[in-house]
C-alpha atoms as a PDB file:
ATOM      1  CA  MET A   1       0.000   0.000   0.000  1.00  0.00           C
ATOM      2  CA  SER A   2       1.449   3.356  -1.053  1.00  0.00           C
ATOM      3  CA  ALA A   3       0.093   5.813   1.516  1.00  0.00           C
ATOM      4  CA  ARG A   4       1.211   8.779   3.566  1.00  0.00           C
ATOM      5  CA  LEU A   5       0.254  10.057   7.010  1.00  0.00           C
ATOM      6  CA  VAL A   6      -0.309  13.788   6.651  1.00  0.00           C
ATOM      7  CA  GLN A   7      -0.341  15.941   9.774  1.00  0.00           C
ATOM      8  CA  ILE A   8      -1.619  19.489   9.317  1.00  0.00           C
ATOM      9  CA  ILE A   9      -1.285  22.206  11.942  1.00  0.00           C
ATOM     10  CA  VAL A  10      -3.325  25.397  11.629  1.00  0.00           C
ATOM     11  CA  PRO A  11      -4.646  28.103  13.961  1.00  0.00           C
ATOM     12  CA  ASP A  12      -8.026  27.438  15.597  1.00  0.00           C
ATOM     13  CA  ARG A  13      -9.645  30.071  13.396  1.00  0.00           C
ATOM     14  CA  GLU A  14      -8.763  28.038  10.281  1.00  0.00           C
ATOM     15  CA  ALA A  15      -9.990  24.693  11.609  1.00  0.00           C
ATOM     16  CA  SER A  16     -13.299  24.764   9.757  1.00  0.00           C
ATOM     17  CA  ARG A  17     -11.720  25.579   6.385  1.00  0.00           C
ATOM     18  CA  THR A  18      -9.009  22.967   6.907  1.00  0.00           C
ATOM     19  CA  LYS A  19     -11.588  20.320   7.729  1.00  0.00           C
ATOM     20  CA  THR A  20     -13.431  21.051   4.489  1.00  0.00           C
ATOM     21  CA  ILE A  21     -10.236  20.729   2.426  1.00  0.00           C
ATOM     22  CA  VAL A  22      -9.131  17.539   4.143  1.00  0.00           C
ATOM     23  CA  ALA A  23     -12.572  15.969   3.684  1.00  0.00           C
ATOM     24  CA  GLU A  24     -12.299  16.524  -0.063  1.00  0.00           C
ATOM     25  CA  HIS A  25      -9.094  14.516  -0.308  1.00  0.00           C
ATOM     26  CA  CYS A  26      -9.452  11.683   2.177  1.00  0.00           C
ATOM     27  CA  SER A  27     -12.342   9.777   3.693  1.00  0.00           C
ATOM     28  CA  ARG A  28     -10.962   9.327   7.198  1.00  0.00           C
ATOM     29  CA  PHE A  29      -9.135  11.858   9.314  1.00  0.00           C
ATOM     30  CA  TRP A  30      -8.664  12.856  12.951  1.00  0.00           C
ATOM     31  CA  GLN A  31      -8.762  16.262  14.596  1.00  0.00           C
ATOM     32  CA  GLU A  32      -7.261  17.240  17.936  1.00  0.00           C
ATOM     33  CA  PRO A  33      -6.554  20.524  19.745  1.00  0.00           C
ATOM     34  CA  LEU A  34      -3.026  21.665  20.495  1.00  0.00           C
ATOM     35  CA  PRO A  35      -1.691  24.256  22.948  1.00  0.00           C
ATOM     36  CA  ASP A  36      -1.295  27.922  21.942  1.00  0.00           C
ATOM     37  CA  GLY A  37      -4.527  28.024  19.979  1.00  0.00           C
ATOM     38  CA  LEU A  38      -3.564  25.469  17.334  1.00  0.00           C
ATOM     39  CA  GLU A  39      -5.436  22.571  15.754  1.00  0.00           C
ATOM     40  CA  LYS A  40      -3.958  19.395  14.285  1.00  0.00           C
ATOM     41  CA  PHE A  41      -5.513  17.238  11.576  1.00  0.00           C
ATOM     42  CA  SER A  42      -4.114  13.760  10.855  1.00  0.00           C
ATOM     43  CA  CYS A  43      -5.169  11.792   7.788  1.00  0.00           C
ATOM     44  CA  VAL A  44      -4.000   8.784   5.789  1.00  0.00           C
ATOM     45  CA  VAL A  45      -3.835   9.676   2.101  1.00  0.00           C
ATOM     46  CA  PRO A  46      -2.992   7.492  -0.919  1.00  0.00           C
ATOM     47  CA  GLY A  47       0.391   8.431  -2.335  1.00  0.00           C
ATOM     48  CA  ARG A  48      -1.084   9.322  -5.717  1.00  0.00           C
ATOM     49  CA  LEU A  49      -3.362  11.961  -4.136  1.00  0.00           C
ATOM     50  CA  ILE A  50      -0.866  13.635  -1.838  1.00  0.00           C
ATOM     51  CA  GLU A  51       0.166  16.328  -4.335  1.00  0.00           C
ATOM     52  CA  ALA A  52      -3.349  17.666  -4.767  1.00  0.00           C
ATOM     53  CA  LEU A  53      -3.871  17.899  -1.000  1.00  0.00           C
ATOM     54  CA  ILE A  54      -0.560  19.660  -0.332  1.00  0.00           C
ATOM     55  CA  ALA A  55      -1.092  22.057  -3.230  1.00  0.00           C
ATOM     56  CA  GLU A  56      -4.522  23.099  -1.992  1.00  0.00           C
ATOM     57  CA  LEU A  57      -3.307  23.504   1.583  1.00  0.00           C
ATOM     58  CA  ASP A  58      -0.399  25.615   0.389  1.00  0.00           C
ATOM     59  CA  ASP A  59      -2.662  27.824  -1.721  1.00  0.00           C
ATOM     60  CA  ASN A  60      -4.945  28.488   1.265  1.00  0.00           C
ATOM     61  CA  PHE A  61      -2.552  28.740   4.203  1.00  0.00           C
ATOM     62  CA  LYS A  62       0.961  29.534   2.941  1.00  0.00           C
ATOM     63  CA  ASP A  63       0.780  33.088   4.314  1.00  0.00           C
ATOM     64  CA  ILE A  64      -0.227  31.939   7.804  1.00  0.00           C
ATOM     65  CA  GLU A  65       2.757  31.757  10.144  1.00  0.00           C
ATOM     66  CA  GLU A  66       1.401  28.923  12.304  1.00  0.00           C
ATOM     67  CA  PHE A  67       0.618  26.673   9.317  1.00  0.00           C
ATOM     68  CA  SER A  68       2.757  23.558   8.781  1.00  0.00           C
ATOM     69  CA  VAL A  69       2.453  20.160   7.129  1.00  0.00           C
ATOM     70  CA  LEU A  70       4.293  16.950   7.988  1.00  0.00           C
ATOM     71  CA  VAL A  71       4.202  13.979   5.591  1.00  0.00           C
ATOM     72  CA  LEU A  72       5.259  10.540   6.829  1.00  0.00           C
ATOM     73  CA  GLN A  73       5.601   7.205   5.062  1.00  0.00           C
ATOM     74  CA  VAL A  74       2.977   4.650   6.129  1.00  0.00           C
ATOM     75  CA  GLU A  75       4.186   1.051   6.340  1.00  0.00           C
ATOM     76  CA  ALA A  76       0.916  -0.467   7.550  1.00  0.00           C
ATOM     77  CA  VAL A  77      -2.541   0.529   8.799  1.00  0.00           C
ATOM     78  CA  LEU A  78      -4.508  -1.397  11.431  1.00  0.00           C
ATOM     79  CA  PRO A  79      -7.404  -1.780  11.259  1.00  0.00           C
ATOM     80  CA  GLU A  80      -7.386  -1.698   7.496  1.00  0.00           C
ATOM     81  CA  ILE A  81      -8.974   1.177   5.619  1.00  0.00           C
ATOM     82  CA  PRO A  82     -10.743  -0.506   2.683  1.00  0.00           C
ATOM     83  CA  GLU A  83     -11.599   2.764   0.981  1.00  0.00           C
ATOM     84  CA  LEU A  84      -7.948   3.902   0.924  1.00  0.00           C
ATOM     85  CA  GLN A  85      -7.325   2.555  -2.550  1.00  0.00           C
ATOM     86  CA  ALA A  86     -10.826   3.117  -3.879  1.00  0.00           C
ATOM     87  CA  PHE A  87     -11.382   6.619  -2.562  1.00  0.00           C
ATOM     88  CA  ALA A  88     -11.185   9.409  -5.132  1.00  0.00           C
ATOM     89  CA  PRO A  89     -11.330  13.102  -4.232  1.00  0.00           C
ATOM     90  CA  SER A  90     -14.053  15.359  -5.502  1.00  0.00           C
ATOM     91  CA  TRP A  91     -12.971  17.765  -8.216  1.00  0.00           C
ATOM     92  CA  SER A  92     -14.239  21.301  -8.560  1.00  0.00           C
ATOM     93  CA  SER A  93     -15.442  22.698 -11.875  1.00  0.00           C
ATOM     94  CA  GLU A  94     -12.121  24.540 -12.270  1.00  0.00           C
ATOM     95  CA  GLN A  95     -10.030  21.418 -11.727  1.00  0.00           C
ATOM     96  CA  LYS A  96      -9.586  18.836 -14.427  1.00  0.00           C
ATOM     97  CA  PRO A  97      -9.625  15.299 -12.983  1.00  0.00           C
ATOM     98  CA  PRO A  98      -6.757  13.069 -14.117  1.00  0.00           C
ATOM     99  CA  SER A  99      -7.398  10.785 -17.059  1.00  0.00           C
ATOM    100  CA  LYS A 100      -7.246   7.025 -16.623  1.00  0.00           C
ATOM    101  CA  LEU A 101      -3.833   7.033 -18.310  1.00  0.00           C
ATOM    102  CA  GLU A 102      -2.501   9.732 -15.953  1.00  0.00           C
ATOM    103  CA  ALA A 103      -3.919   7.932 -12.940  1.00  0.00           C
ATOM    104  CA  PHE A 104      -2.280   4.693 -14.099  1.00  0.00           C
ATOM    105  CA  PHE A 105       1.199   6.214 -14.453  1.00  0.00           C
ATOM    106  CA  THR A 106       1.048   8.370 -11.315  1.00  0.00           C
ATOM    107  CA  ARG A 107      -0.381   5.785  -8.942  1.00  0.00           C
ATOM    108  CA  ASP A 108       3.051   4.688  -7.659  1.00  0.00           C
ATOM    109  CA  ARG A 109       4.885   8.009  -7.897  1.00  0.00           C
ATOM    110  CA  ILE A 110       5.872   9.916  -4.783  1.00  0.00           C
ATOM    111  CA  SER A 111       4.796  13.548  -4.523  1.00  0.00           C
ATOM    112  CA  ILE A 112       6.707  16.486  -5.971  1.00  0.00           C
ATOM    113  CA  ASN A 113       7.544  17.652  -2.446  1.00  0.00           C
ATOM    114  CA  GLU A 114       9.133  14.288  -1.693  1.00  0.00           C
ATOM    115  CA  LEU A 115      11.021  14.368  -5.001  1.00  0.00           C
ATOM    116  CA  TYR A 116      12.440  17.777  -4.076  1.00  0.00           C
ATOM    117  CA  ASP A 117      13.427  16.516  -0.625  1.00  0.00           C
ATOM    118  CA  ASP A 118      15.204  13.499  -2.135  1.00  0.00           C
ATOM    119  CA  ILE A 119      17.113  15.585  -4.665  1.00  0.00           C
ATOM    120  CA  GLU A 120      17.950  18.506  -2.370  1.00  0.00           C
ATOM    121  CA  ALA A 121      20.666  16.706  -0.429  1.00  0.00           C
ATOM    122  CA  ARG A 122      22.356  15.715  -3.692  1.00  0.00           C
ATOM    123  CA  LEU A 123      22.707  19.283  -4.947  1.00  0.00           C
ATOM    124  CA  GLU A 124      25.069  20.630  -2.320  1.00  0.00           C
ATOM    125  CA  LEU A 125      28.584  21.327  -3.573  1.00  0.00           C
ATOM    126  CA  ARG A 126      30.661  19.883  -0.758  1.00  0.00           C
ATOM    127  CA  PRO A 127      34.106  18.258  -0.537  1.00  0.00           C
ATOM    128  CA  ASN A 128      32.374  14.890  -0.146  1.00  0.00           C
ATOM    129  CA  TYR A 129      30.772  15.306  -3.587  1.00  0.00           C
ATOM    130  CA  LEU A 130      34.103  16.123  -5.262  1.00  0.00           C
ATOM    131  CA  LEU A 131      35.776  13.227  -3.457  1.00  0.00           C
ATOM    132  CA  THR A 132      33.154  10.669  -4.506  1.00  0.00           C
ATOM    133  CA  VAL A 133      33.225  11.918  -8.113  1.00  0.00           C
ATOM    134  CA  THR A 134      37.011  11.633  -8.184  1.00  0.00           C
ATOM    135  CA  LEU A 135      37.086   8.175  -6.605  1.00  0.00           C
ATOM    136  CA  SER A 136      34.322   6.891  -8.854  1.00  0.00           C
ATOM    137  CA  ALA A 137      36.130   8.090 -11.981  1.00  0.00           C
ATOM    138  CA  LEU A 138      39.494   6.712 -10.831  1.00  0.00           C
ATOM    139  CA  ILE A 139      38.024   3.301  -9.998  1.00  0.00           C
ATOM    140  CA  ALA A 140      36.277   3.164 -13.381  1.00  0.00           C
ATOM    141  CA  ALA A 141      39.452   4.273 -15.169  1.00  0.00           C
ATOM    142  CA  LEU A 142      41.591   1.645 -13.433  1.00  0.00           C
ATOM    143  CA  GLY A 143      38.978  -1.005 -14.149  1.00  0.00           C
ATOM    144  CA  MET A 144      38.890  -0.138 -17.864  1.00  0.00           C
ATOM    145  CA  HIS A 145      42.686   0.172 -18.006  1.00  0.00           C
ATOM    146  CA  SER A 146      43.066  -3.399 -16.748  1.00  0.00           C
ATOM    147  CA  GLY A 147      40.012  -4.713 -18.600  1.00  0.00           C
ATOM    148  CA  GLN A 148      38.170  -5.663 -15.387  1.00  0.00           C
ATOM    149  CA  THR A 149      34.464  -5.142 -15.981  1.00  0.00           C
ATOM    150  CA  ALA A 150      33.551  -5.938 -12.374  1.00  0.00           C
ATOM    151  CA  VAL A 151      35.676  -3.032 -11.155  1.00  0.00           C
ATOM    152  CA  VAL A 152      33.930  -0.670 -13.591  1.00  0.00           C
ATOM    153  CA  ILE A 153      30.561  -1.809 -12.260  1.00  0.00           C
ATOM    154  CA  GLY A 154      31.773  -1.198  -8.717  1.00  0.00           C
ATOM    155  CA  ALA A 155      32.591   2.403  -9.633  1.00  0.00           C
ATOM    156  CA  MET A 156      29.021   2.943 -10.780  1.00  0.00           C
ATOM    157  CA  ILE A 157      27.577   2.023  -7.386  1.00  0.00           C
ATOM    158  CA  ILE A 158      29.103   5.185  -5.908  1.00  0.00           C
ATOM    159  CA  ALA A 159      26.823   7.155  -8.280  1.00  0.00           C
ATOM    160  CA  PRO A 160      27.926  10.732  -7.494  1.00  0.00           C
ATOM    161  CA  LEU A 161      26.342  12.235 -10.626  1.00  0.00           C
ATOM    162  CA  LEU A 162      22.859  10.939  -9.832  1.00  0.00           C
ATOM    163  CA  GLY A 163      21.631  14.114  -8.152  1.00  0.00           C
ATOM    164  CA  PRO A 164      22.492  16.685 -10.818  1.00  0.00           C
ATOM    165  CA  THR A 165      21.414  14.386 -13.655  1.00  0.00           C
ATOM    166  CA  MET A 166      17.980  13.672 -12.192  1.00  0.00           C
ATOM    167  CA  ALA A 167      17.626  17.311 -11.143  1.00  0.00           C
ATOM    168  CA  MET A 168      18.262  18.531 -14.704  1.00  0.00           C
ATOM    169  CA  ALA A 169      15.477  16.395 -16.137  1.00  0.00           C
ATOM    170  CA  MET A 170      13.157  17.276 -13.260  1.00  0.00           C
ATOM    171  CA  ALA A 171      13.905  21.010 -13.586  1.00  0.00           C
ATOM    172  CA  ALA A 172      13.193  20.917 -17.319  1.00  0.00           C
ATOM    173  CA  THR A 173       9.912  19.101 -16.723  1.00  0.00           C
ATOM    174  CA  LEU A 174       8.690  21.443 -14.004  1.00  0.00           C
ATOM    175  CA  GLY A 175      10.151  24.583 -15.557  1.00  0.00           C
ATOM    176  CA  ASP A 176      12.177  25.247 -12.396  1.00  0.00           C
ATOM    177  CA  GLN A 177      15.023  27.482 -13.590  1.00  0.00           C
ATOM    178  CA  ALA A 178      16.699  27.764 -10.183  1.00  0.00           C
ATOM    179  CA  LEU A 179      16.853  23.984  -9.813  1.00  0.00           C
ATOM    180  CA  GLY A 180      18.161  23.677 -13.360  1.00  0.00           C
ATOM    181  CA  ARG A 181      21.002  26.134 -12.728  1.00  0.00           C
ATOM    182  CA  ARG A 182      22.037  24.331  -9.539  1.00  0.00           C
ATOM    183  CA  ALA A 183      21.955  20.969 -11.294  1.00  0.00           C
ATOM    184  CA  MET A 184      23.976  22.250 -14.258  1.00  0.00           C
ATOM    185  CA  ARG A 185      26.613  23.763 -11.973  1.00  0.00           C
ATOM    186  CA  MET A 186      26.928  20.546  -9.975  1.00  0.00           C
ATOM    187  CA  LEU A 187      27.169  18.412 -13.120  1.00  0.00           C
ATOM    188  CA  VAL A 188      29.828  20.613 -14.770  1.00  0.00           C
ATOM    189  CA  VAL A 189      31.931  20.687 -11.598  1.00  0.00           C
ATOM    190  CA  GLY A 190      31.615  16.921 -11.224  1.00  0.00           C
ATOM    191  CA  ILE A 191      32.592  16.222 -14.835  1.00  0.00           C
ATOM    192  CA  PHE A 192      35.637  18.495 -14.616  1.00  0.00           C
ATOM    193  CA  ALA A 193      36.720  16.885 -11.334  1.00  0.00           C
ATOM    194  CA  ALA A 194      36.479  13.437 -12.920  1.00  0.00           C
ATOM    195  CA  LEU A 195      38.332  14.545 -16.074  1.00  0.00           C
ATOM    196  CA  ILE A 196      41.181  16.166 -14.141  1.00  0.00           C
ATOM    197  CA  SER A 197      41.726  13.165 -11.856  1.00  0.00           C
ATOM    198  CA  THR A 198      41.701  10.654 -14.707  1.00  0.00           C
ATOM    199  CA  PHE A 199      43.878  12.980 -16.839  1.00  0.00           C
ATOM    200  CA  VAL A 200      46.557  12.814 -14.159  1.00  0.00           C
ATOM    201  CA  LEU A 201      46.150   9.027 -14.000  1.00  0.00           C
ATOM    202  CA  GLY A 202      46.535   8.829 -17.779  1.00  0.00           C
ATOM    203  CA  MET A 203      49.897  10.624 -17.496  1.00  0.00           C
ATOM    204  CA  LEU A 204      51.160   8.109 -14.940  1.00  0.00           C
ATOM    205  CA  VAL A 205      50.122   4.795 -16.488  1.00  0.00           C
ATOM    206  CA  ASP A 206      50.502   3.216 -19.917  1.00  0.00           C
ATOM    207  CA  VAL A 207      47.161   3.402 -21.718  1.00  0.00           C
ATOM    208  CA  ASP A 208      46.424   0.797 -24.386  1.00  0.00           C
ATOM    209  CA  PRO A 209      43.618   2.145 -26.618  1.00  0.00           C
ATOM    210  CA  LEU A 210      42.944  -1.373 -27.914  1.00  0.00           C
ATOM    211  CA  VAL A 211      41.704  -2.642 -24.538  1.00  0.00           C
ATOM    212  CA  PRO A 212      38.016  -3.426 -25.229  1.00  0.00           C
ATOM    213  CA  GLU A 213      36.769  -1.577 -22.129  1.00  0.00           C
ATOM    214  CA  LEU A 214      38.490   1.588 -23.377  1.00  0.00           C
ATOM    215  CA  ARG A 215      37.936   1.232 -27.102  1.00  0.00           C
ATOM    216  CA  ASN A 216      34.204   0.705 -26.590  1.00  0.00           C
ATOM    217  CA  ARG A 217      34.022   4.218 -25.124  1.00  0.00           C
ATOM    218  CA  THR A 218      35.345   5.767 -28.357  1.00  0.00           C
ATOM    219  CA  ILE A 219      32.657   4.407 -30.675  1.00  0.00           C
ATOM    220  CA  VAL A 220      28.975   5.351 -30.524  1.00  0.00           C
ATOM    221  CA  TYR A 221      26.554   2.872 -32.034  1.00  0.00           C
ATOM    222  CA  PRO A 222      22.758   3.228 -32.381  1.00  0.00           C
ATOM    223  CA  ALA A 223      22.473   0.605 -29.644  1.00  0.00           C
ATOM    224  CA  ASP A 224      24.324   2.973 -27.295  1.00  0.00           C
ATOM    225  CA  ILE A 225      21.594   5.577 -27.829  1.00  0.00           C
ATOM    226  CA  ALA A 226      18.915   3.011 -27.035  1.00  0.00           C
ATOM    227  CA  LEU A 227      20.842   2.008 -23.904  1.00  0.00           C
ATOM    228  CA  ALA A 228      21.164   5.604 -22.698  1.00  0.00           C
ATOM    229  CA  LEU A 229      17.463   6.281 -23.327  1.00  0.00           C
ATOM    230  CA  ALA A 230      16.545   3.140 -21.397  1.00  0.00           C
ATOM    231  CA  CYS A 231      18.888   4.114 -18.530  1.00  0.00           C
ATOM    232  CA  GLY A 232      17.313   7.570 -18.315  1.00  0.00           C
ATOM    233  CA  ALA A 233      13.754   6.239 -18.304  1.00  0.00           C
ATOM    234  CA  ALA A 234      14.531   3.449 -15.832  1.00  0.00           C
ATOM    235  CA  GLY A 235      16.397   5.851 -13.566  1.00  0.00           C
ATOM    236  CA  VAL A 236      13.504   8.320 -13.452  1.00  0.00           C
ATOM    237  CA  LEU A 237      10.961   5.543 -12.850  1.00  0.00           C
ATOM    238  CA  ALA A 238      12.973   4.187  -9.931  1.00  0.00           C
ATOM    239  CA  PHE A 239      13.722   7.652  -8.544  1.00  0.00           C
ATOM    240  CA  SER A 240      10.098   8.788  -8.715  1.00  0.00           C
ATOM    241  CA  LYS A 241       8.960   5.690  -6.826  1.00  0.00           C
ATOM    242  CA  GLY A 242      11.326   6.401  -3.947  1.00  0.00           C
ATOM    243  CA  THR A 243      13.575   3.452  -4.788  1.00  0.00           C
ATOM    244  CA  SER A 244      17.024   3.234  -3.218  1.00  0.00           C
ATOM    245  CA  LEU A 245      19.187   5.984  -4.697  1.00  0.00           C
ATOM    246  CA  SER A 246      22.087   3.544  -5.068  1.00  0.00           C
ATOM    247  CA  LEU A 247      20.013   1.445  -7.462  1.00  0.00           C
ATOM    248  CA  VAL A 248      18.967   4.514  -9.420  1.00  0.00           C
ATOM    249  CA  GLY A 249      22.563   5.700  -9.500  1.00  0.00           C
ATOM    250  CA  VAL A 250      23.808   2.524 -11.170  1.00  0.00           C
ATOM    251  CA  MET A 251      21.322   3.072 -14.004  1.00  0.00           C
ATOM    252  CA  ILE A 252      22.611   6.601 -14.590  1.00  0.00           C
ATOM    253  CA  ALA A 253      26.298   5.961 -13.885  1.00  0.00           C
ATOM    254  CA  VAL A 254      26.492   3.209 -16.504  1.00  0.00           C
ATOM    255  CA  ALA A 255      26.027   5.913 -19.151  1.00  0.00           C
ATOM    256  CA  LEU A 256      28.170   8.686 -17.638  1.00  0.00           C
ATOM    257  CA  VAL A 257      31.088   7.543 -15.484  1.00  0.00           C
ATOM    258  CA  PRO A 258      32.932   5.215 -17.928  1.00  0.00           C
ATOM    259  CA  PRO A 259      33.003   7.744 -20.823  1.00  0.00           C
ATOM    260  CA  ILE A 260      34.306  10.481 -18.518  1.00  0.00           C
ATOM    261  CA  ALA A 261      37.008   8.197 -17.128  1.00  0.00           C
ATOM    262  CA  ALA A 262      38.001   6.992 -20.594  1.00  0.00           C
ATOM    263  CA  ALA A 263      38.222  10.560 -21.899  1.00  0.00           C
ATOM    264  CA  GLY A 264      40.508  11.580 -19.029  1.00  0.00           C
ATOM    265  CA  LEU A 265      42.784   8.585 -19.596  1.00  0.00           C
ATOM    266  CA  PHE A 266      43.066   9.280 -23.318  1.00  0.00           C
ATOM    267  CA  PHE A 267      43.761  12.992 -22.855  1.00  0.00           C
ATOM    268  CA  GLY A 268      46.383  12.248 -20.209  1.00  0.00           C
ATOM    269  CA  SER A 269      48.159   9.716 -22.426  1.00  0.00           C
ATOM    270  CA  GLY A 270      48.204  12.051 -25.426  1.00  0.00           C
ATOM    271  CA  GLU A 271      45.409  10.297 -27.381  1.00  0.00           C
ATOM    272  CA  THR A 272      43.509  13.524 -27.976  1.00  0.00           C
ATOM    273  CA  THR A 273      41.336  12.228 -30.816  1.00  0.00           C
ATOM    274  CA  LEU A 274      40.185   9.231 -28.800  1.00  0.00           C
ATOM    275  CA  GLY A 275      39.568  11.517 -25.842  1.00  0.00           C
ATOM    276  CA  PHE A 276      37.182  13.684 -27.825  1.00  0.00           C
ATOM    277  CA  LYS A 277      35.408  10.572 -29.091  1.00  0.00           C
ATOM    278  CA  ALA A 278      34.821   9.509 -25.477  1.00  0.00           C
ATOM    279  CA  VAL A 279      33.527  13.012 -24.722  1.00  0.00           C
ATOM    280  CA  PHE A 280      31.123  12.644 -27.652  1.00  0.00           C
ATOM    281  CA  LEU A 281      29.793   9.418 -26.126  1.00  0.00           C
ATOM    282  CA  LEU A 282      29.367  11.228 -22.800  1.00  0.00           C
ATOM    283  CA  ALA A 283      27.482  14.091 -24.459  1.00  0.00           C
ATOM    284  CA  THR A 284      25.253  11.653 -26.371  1.00  0.00           C
ATOM    285  CA  ASN A 285      24.397   9.722 -23.213  1.00  0.00           C
ATOM    286  CA  LEU A 286      23.695  12.916 -21.271  1.00  0.00           C
ATOM    287  CA  VAL A 287      21.316  14.180 -23.963  1.00  0.00           C
ATOM    288  CA  CYS A 288      19.539  10.806 -24.120  1.00  0.00           C
ATOM    289  CA  ILE A 289      19.088  10.699 -20.344  1.00  0.00           C
ATOM    290  CA  ASN A 290      17.500  14.160 -20.362  1.00  0.00           C
ATOM    291  CA  VAL A 291      15.181  13.386 -23.286  1.00  0.00           C
ATOM    292  CA  ALA A 292      14.048  10.106 -21.730  1.00  0.00           C
ATOM    293  CA  GLY A 293      13.863  11.694 -18.272  1.00  0.00           C
ATOM    294  CA  ILE A 294      11.592  14.548 -19.368  1.00  0.00           C
ATOM    295  CA  ILE A 295       9.281  12.176 -21.252  1.00  0.00           C
ATOM    296  CA  THR A 296       9.081   9.817 -18.276  1.00  0.00           C
ATOM    297  CA  PHE A 297       8.445  12.593 -15.762  1.00  0.00           C
ATOM    298  CA  LEU A 298       5.665  13.988 -17.980  1.00  0.00           C
ATOM    299  CA  ALA A 299       4.155  10.522 -18.403  1.00  0.00           C
ATOM    300  CA  GLN A 300       4.067  10.222 -14.620  1.00  0.00           C
ATOM    301  CA  GLY A 301       2.072  13.404 -14.319  1.00  0.00           C
ATOM    302  CA  LEU A 302       4.614  15.966 -13.085  1.00  0.00           C
ATOM    303  CA  PRO A 303       2.836  19.258 -13.798  1.00  0.00           C
ATOM    304  CA  PRO A 304       4.971  21.836 -15.660  1.00  0.00           C
ATOM    305  CA  SER A 305       4.601  25.331 -14.242  1.00  0.00           C
ATOM    306  CA  ASN A 306       5.108  26.735 -17.728  1.00  0.00           C
ATOM    307  CA  TRP A 307       4.543  24.511 -20.751  1.00  0.00           C
ATOM    308  CA  ARG A 308       6.416  26.964 -22.989  1.00  0.00           C
ATOM    309  CA  ILE A 309       9.599  26.561 -20.948  1.00  0.00           C
ATOM    310  CA  THR A 310       9.224  22.791 -20.671  1.00  0.00           C
ATOM    311  CA  SER A 311       8.466  22.240 -24.351  1.00  0.00           C
ATOM    312  CA  GLY A 312      11.246  24.631 -25.389  1.00  0.00           C
ATOM    313  CA  ILE A 313      13.897  22.844 -23.323  1.00  0.00           C
ATOM    314  CA  PHE A 314      12.669  19.457 -24.491  1.00  0.00           C
ATOM    315  CA  LEU A 315      12.797  20.492 -28.156  1.00  0.00           C
ATOM    316  CA  ILE A 316      16.360  21.760 -27.697  1.00  0.00           C
ATOM    317  CA  TRP A 317      17.452  18.441 -26.188  1.00  0.00           C
ATOM    318  CA  LEU A 318      15.597  16.552 -28.921  1.00  0.00           C
ATOM    319  CA  ALA A 319      17.210  18.635 -31.686  1.00  0.00           C
ATOM    320  CA  ILE A 320      20.662  17.937 -30.256  1.00  0.00           C
ATOM    321  CA  LEU A 321      19.835  14.224 -30.088  1.00  0.00           C
ATOM    322  CA  VAL A 322      18.681  14.204 -33.725  1.00  0.00           C
ATOM    323  CA  LEU A 323      21.932  15.945 -34.719  1.00  0.00           C
ATOM    324  CA  PHE A 324      23.982  13.366 -32.831  1.00  0.00           C
ATOM    325  CA  ILE A 325      22.029  10.519 -34.432  1.00  0.00           C
ATOM    326  CA  ALA A 326      22.731  12.021 -37.858  1.00  0.00           C
ATOM    327  CA  LEU A 327      26.455  12.220 -37.056  1.00  0.00           C
ATOM    328  CA  ILE A 328      26.489   8.637 -35.786  1.00  0.00           C
ATOM    329  CA  GLY A 329      24.549   7.454 -38.823  1.00  0.00           C
ATOM    330  CA  GLY A 330      26.965   9.230 -41.133  1.00  0.00           C
ATOM    331  CA  ARG A 331      29.976   7.647 -39.478  1.00  0.00           C
ATOM    332  CA  THR A 332      28.331   4.237 -39.659  1.00  0.00           C
ATOM    333  CA  VAL A 333      27.491   4.606 -43.362  1.00  0.00           C
ATOM    334  CA  LEU A 334      30.982   5.886 -44.227  1.00  0.00           C
ATOM    335  CA  GLY A 335      32.597   3.206 -42.092  1.00  0.00           C
ATOM    336  CA  THR A 336      34.957   5.646 -40.370  1.00  0.00           C
ATOM    337  CA  ASP A 337      34.688   3.824 -37.024  1.00  0.00           C
ATOM    338  CA  GLY A 338      36.066   0.693 -38.574  1.00  0.00           C
ATOM    339  CA  ASN A 339      38.893   2.638 -40.196  1.00  0.00           C
ATOM    340  CA  ASP A 340      39.743   4.219 -36.854  1.00  0.00           C
ATOM    341  CA  GLY A 341      40.014   0.775 -35.329  1.00  0.00           C
ATOM    342  CA  GLN A 342      42.295  -0.427 -38.135  1.00  0.00           C
ATOM    343  CA  ALA A 343      44.471   2.684 -37.808  1.00  0.00           C
ATOM    344  CA  ALA A 344      44.825   2.179 -34.070  1.00  0.00           C
ATOM    345  CA  THR A 345      45.829  -1.455 -34.658  1.00  0.00           C
ATOM    346  CA  SER A 346      48.439  -0.446 -37.245  1.00  0.00           C
ATOM    347  CA  ILE A 347      49.918   2.173 -34.909  1.00  0.00           C
ATOM    348  CA  ALA A 348      50.114  -0.349 -32.065  1.00  0.00           C
ATOM    349  CA  MET A 349      51.833  -2.923 -34.323  1.00  0.00           C
ATOM    350  CA  SER A 350      54.368  -0.424 -35.626  1.00  0.00           C
ATOM    351  CA  THR A 351      55.313   0.946 -32.208  1.00  0.00           C
ATOM    352  CA  PRO A 352      58.739  -0.372 -31.052  1.00  0.00           C
ATOM    353  CA  GLY A 353      58.702  -2.647 -28.008  1.00  0.00           C
END
């Protein structure tokens, strides 16, 4: 059962209006007086209906100093409340009730407030963030350098880029410019930290560009686009259901961390061309994650504050993705990827020692 215990505190003078609002969104609630002229309402609300309740409460009482709302996860309810899943709130003439498709996709999603709470802690630029980004990139780089896939997977579990990546897609969907700027700043800082650390590593170790784990990060196939789109959609679905952030992070990190680490290694070893190819894979994956993330968030019923902003950002991401697909298709048709591989093999064979 996906439900929340909502506790609402208002002044005594607002008790009647609060009771009316609460009754519209849940069928069973409790009211009790508090000291200092306050009143508390407690109600169990299905997770899919929590947004509407919080939004209406905020619209009515946000300017009242004593007003507060506490939302808690409900693990079980005894005795059972049979109408919890069947109850549907009444909708005013100005409100459009959700369609069956919207209700289907949003039934397991946590509220926007909870999404913001989950993402907030991941958007603070602290030494711990830079350290985890650096360690994740170094572990992935060492794993690819030695051809150990298990080590690369281990680097993804750290998942330092989860917060800014999810926040970018969420900000674009909701039209939240402040959130988008914070997410972009965090992502750029994280990418540069990873590139610098792996660049230094590339100067200290011998980098063989023919190692499969490294070479695979210099070629972008259509299947890589499908993988990145799937990672973005799966990551958003898991994130919006309140799934463990470590699990969500693996889905996102699989498309971001290895290309960054490979690019740093190549740049540090003097393989500039291969480094830029790895950066191209990173950019392609990042665009795919945002396109898939925005679509998935919209499908789950996240309400954009401004459709013009949301649609504009989405079209920009989509245009970039179409351009990248055209570039990848052109390279595939011309067979330049295969030639690059042959050239790299010839160079390796002709190198003394």
